[in-house]
N, C-alpha and C. Protein backbone atom coordinates (compact mmCIF):
# COMPACT_ATOMS: atom_id res chain seq x y z
N MET A 1 7.66 5.66 -23.36
CA MET A 1 8.78 5.76 -24.10
C MET A 1 9.99 6.04 -23.18
N ALA A 2 9.84 6.86 -22.07
CA ALA A 2 10.70 7.06 -20.98
C ALA A 2 11.30 5.78 -20.19
N HIS A 3 10.07 5.06 -20.06
CA HIS A 3 10.45 3.89 -19.18
C HIS A 3 11.25 2.85 -20.03
N ARG A 4 11.11 2.80 -21.36
CA ARG A 4 11.77 1.89 -22.22
C ARG A 4 13.30 2.42 -22.28
N ILE A 5 13.49 3.65 -22.28
CA ILE A 5 14.84 4.30 -22.24
C ILE A 5 15.54 3.96 -20.84
N VAL A 6 14.75 4.04 -19.82
CA VAL A 6 15.33 3.70 -18.53
C VAL A 6 15.82 2.23 -18.45
N THR A 7 15.02 1.44 -19.01
CA THR A 7 15.35 -0.07 -18.90
C THR A 7 16.65 -0.28 -19.68
N LEU A 8 16.86 0.39 -20.91
CA LEU A 8 17.95 0.39 -21.86
C LEU A 8 19.29 0.97 -20.95
N LEU A 9 18.99 2.04 -20.29
CA LEU A 9 20.01 2.64 -19.52
C LEU A 9 20.50 1.67 -18.43
N GLU A 10 19.50 1.05 -17.74
CA GLU A 10 19.92 0.17 -16.67
C GLU A 10 20.83 -0.93 -17.03
N ARG A 11 20.62 -1.36 -18.45
CA ARG A 11 21.52 -2.41 -18.95
C ARG A 11 22.92 -2.06 -19.10
N ILE A 12 23.24 -0.74 -19.43
CA ILE A 12 24.60 -0.27 -19.84
C ILE A 12 25.10 0.47 -18.58
N GLY A 13 24.30 0.88 -17.62
CA GLY A 13 24.76 1.71 -16.52
C GLY A 13 24.40 3.26 -16.70
N ILE A 14 24.03 3.87 -15.70
CA ILE A 14 23.78 5.20 -15.69
C ILE A 14 24.74 6.00 -15.12
N ASN A 15 25.47 7.05 -15.74
CA ASN A 15 26.47 7.95 -15.13
C ASN A 15 25.80 9.12 -14.62
N LYS A 16 26.60 9.75 -13.85
CA LYS A 16 26.10 11.05 -13.19
C LYS A 16 25.87 12.16 -14.17
N ASP A 17 26.71 12.17 -15.22
CA ASP A 17 26.62 13.08 -16.27
C ASP A 17 26.33 12.39 -17.52
N PHE A 18 25.15 12.83 -17.95
CA PHE A 18 24.65 12.21 -19.36
C PHE A 18 23.79 13.36 -19.97
N ALA A 19 23.64 13.21 -21.33
CA ALA A 19 22.80 14.06 -22.15
C ALA A 19 22.01 13.32 -23.00
N ILE A 20 20.87 13.79 -23.34
CA ILE A 20 19.99 13.40 -24.01
C ILE A 20 20.09 14.04 -25.58
N THR A 21 20.10 13.15 -26.54
CA THR A 21 20.28 13.72 -27.96
C THR A 21 19.25 13.17 -28.84
N GLY A 22 19.18 13.78 -30.00
CA GLY A 22 18.32 13.45 -31.10
C GLY A 22 16.83 14.00 -30.63
N GLY A 23 15.85 13.64 -31.41
CA GLY A 23 14.64 14.23 -31.53
C GLY A 23 13.90 14.08 -30.08
N ILE A 24 14.21 12.94 -29.54
CA ILE A 24 13.52 12.79 -28.15
C ILE A 24 14.00 13.72 -27.22
N ALA A 25 15.09 14.41 -27.27
CA ALA A 25 15.57 15.44 -26.39
C ALA A 25 14.73 16.78 -26.56
N LYS A 26 13.88 16.85 -27.52
CA LYS A 26 12.98 17.98 -27.84
C LYS A 26 11.73 17.74 -27.18
N ASN A 27 11.38 16.54 -26.81
CA ASN A 27 10.16 16.20 -26.08
C ASN A 27 10.16 16.36 -24.59
N ALA A 28 9.76 17.48 -24.17
CA ALA A 28 9.88 18.03 -22.63
C ALA A 28 9.26 16.89 -21.69
N GLY A 29 8.20 16.14 -22.32
CA GLY A 29 7.50 15.16 -21.33
C GLY A 29 8.42 14.08 -21.08
N VAL A 30 9.02 13.58 -22.07
CA VAL A 30 9.86 12.57 -22.07
C VAL A 30 11.19 12.78 -21.15
N VAL A 31 11.74 13.85 -21.44
CA VAL A 31 12.86 14.34 -20.59
C VAL A 31 12.55 14.52 -19.11
N LYS A 32 11.40 15.10 -18.80
CA LYS A 32 10.92 15.29 -17.36
C LYS A 32 10.66 13.91 -16.82
N ARG A 33 10.13 12.87 -17.44
CA ARG A 33 9.80 11.49 -17.08
C ARG A 33 11.18 10.83 -16.84
N LEU A 34 12.23 10.93 -17.82
CA LEU A 34 13.49 10.41 -17.48
C LEU A 34 14.19 11.00 -16.25
N GLN A 35 14.17 12.15 -16.06
CA GLN A 35 14.59 12.79 -14.84
C GLN A 35 14.06 12.24 -13.54
N LYS A 36 12.73 12.15 -13.62
CA LYS A 36 11.92 11.59 -12.40
C LYS A 36 12.43 10.17 -12.27
N GLU A 37 12.49 9.24 -13.21
CA GLU A 37 12.80 7.96 -13.08
C GLU A 37 14.17 7.59 -12.75
N ILE A 38 15.12 8.25 -13.21
CA ILE A 38 16.59 8.13 -12.85
C ILE A 38 17.14 8.91 -11.79
N GLY A 39 16.32 9.98 -11.47
CA GLY A 39 16.84 10.95 -10.52
C GLY A 39 18.08 11.69 -10.78
N ILE A 40 18.40 11.94 -12.01
CA ILE A 40 19.51 12.74 -12.53
C ILE A 40 19.09 13.83 -13.61
N GLU A 41 19.45 14.98 -13.54
CA GLU A 41 19.20 15.92 -14.50
C GLU A 41 20.23 15.87 -15.65
N PRO A 42 19.77 15.74 -16.85
CA PRO A 42 20.57 15.68 -18.01
C PRO A 42 21.43 17.03 -18.17
N LEU A 43 22.50 16.75 -18.80
CA LEU A 43 23.31 18.12 -19.21
C LEU A 43 22.49 18.86 -20.19
N THR A 44 22.64 19.92 -20.43
CA THR A 44 21.89 20.97 -21.21
C THR A 44 22.96 21.68 -22.13
N THR A 45 22.41 22.11 -23.24
CA THR A 45 23.34 22.86 -24.21
C THR A 45 22.48 23.83 -24.95
N THR A 46 23.03 24.82 -25.66
CA THR A 46 22.29 25.78 -26.38
C THR A 46 22.21 25.29 -27.71
N TYR A 47 22.94 24.21 -28.04
CA TYR A 47 22.81 23.56 -29.51
C TYR A 47 21.74 22.55 -29.53
N ASP A 48 21.41 22.42 -30.97
CA ASP A 48 20.22 21.66 -31.19
C ASP A 48 20.69 20.25 -31.04
N PRO A 49 19.93 19.49 -30.06
CA PRO A 49 20.25 18.22 -29.84
C PRO A 49 20.13 17.00 -30.86
N GLN A 50 19.48 17.38 -32.01
CA GLN A 50 19.39 16.64 -33.14
C GLN A 50 20.53 16.62 -33.98
N ILE A 51 21.39 17.66 -33.72
CA ILE A 51 22.72 17.66 -34.54
C ILE A 51 23.74 16.82 -34.04
N ALA A 52 23.53 16.37 -32.84
CA ALA A 52 24.63 15.48 -32.08
C ALA A 52 25.18 14.24 -32.85
N GLY A 53 23.95 13.61 -33.22
CA GLY A 53 24.22 12.26 -34.05
C GLY A 53 24.83 12.66 -35.49
N ALA A 54 24.39 13.68 -36.17
CA ALA A 54 24.82 13.90 -37.58
C ALA A 54 26.35 14.39 -37.34
N LEU A 55 26.56 15.28 -36.22
CA LEU A 55 28.13 15.45 -36.08
C LEU A 55 29.04 14.47 -35.80
N GLY A 56 28.43 13.61 -34.89
CA GLY A 56 29.22 12.28 -34.62
C GLY A 56 29.50 11.58 -35.91
N ALA A 57 28.59 11.34 -36.77
CA ALA A 57 28.75 10.64 -38.01
C ALA A 57 29.74 11.27 -38.89
N ALA A 58 29.63 12.61 -38.94
CA ALA A 58 30.57 13.31 -39.83
C ALA A 58 31.95 13.26 -39.38
N LEU A 59 32.20 13.20 -38.01
CA LEU A 59 33.55 13.16 -37.48
C LEU A 59 34.01 11.58 -37.73
N PHE A 60 33.21 10.75 -37.57
CA PHE A 60 33.56 9.23 -37.82
C PHE A 60 33.92 9.12 -39.26
N ALA A 61 33.09 9.63 -40.11
CA ALA A 61 33.54 9.62 -41.65
C ALA A 61 34.81 10.32 -41.98
N LYS A 62 35.10 11.47 -41.25
CA LYS A 62 36.41 12.34 -41.55
C LYS A 62 37.54 11.32 -41.13
N VAL A 63 37.52 10.61 -40.02
CA VAL A 63 38.58 9.68 -39.59
C VAL A 63 38.73 8.54 -40.47
N LEU A 64 37.70 8.12 -41.01
CA LEU A 64 37.83 6.96 -42.09
C LEU A 64 38.42 7.45 -43.23
N ALA A 65 38.01 8.65 -43.71
CA ALA A 65 38.52 9.11 -44.97
C ALA A 65 40.07 9.46 -44.89
N GLU A 66 40.42 9.92 -43.73
CA GLU A 66 41.80 10.34 -43.44
C GLU A 66 42.65 8.83 -43.34
N LYS A 67 42.20 7.81 -42.77
CA LYS A 67 42.93 6.43 -42.96
C LYS A 67 43.02 6.07 -44.25
N GLU A 68 42.09 6.13 -45.19
CA GLU A 68 42.09 5.79 -46.56
C GLU A 68 43.11 6.61 -47.28
N LYS A 69 43.31 7.80 -47.05
CA LYS A 69 44.46 8.59 -47.65
C LYS A 69 45.88 8.07 -47.39
N LYS A 70 46.00 7.52 -46.33
CA LYS A 70 47.34 6.95 -45.78
C LYS A 70 47.76 5.76 -46.58
């Protein structure tokens, strides 16, 4: 799994600052392997990483709803 993620990251570019979100962020083995393969430690937070996608979708929906009101 980690190797597949690295392959995808190489296609889009890897930044010095990055975060892992979603359920995969809770898998310590995958996170450690990613760190080893790309040589960068991901940003951390005290928030649940699975909420990031839901929060982004909610913010996107809010913007769309505000545009429709105008």
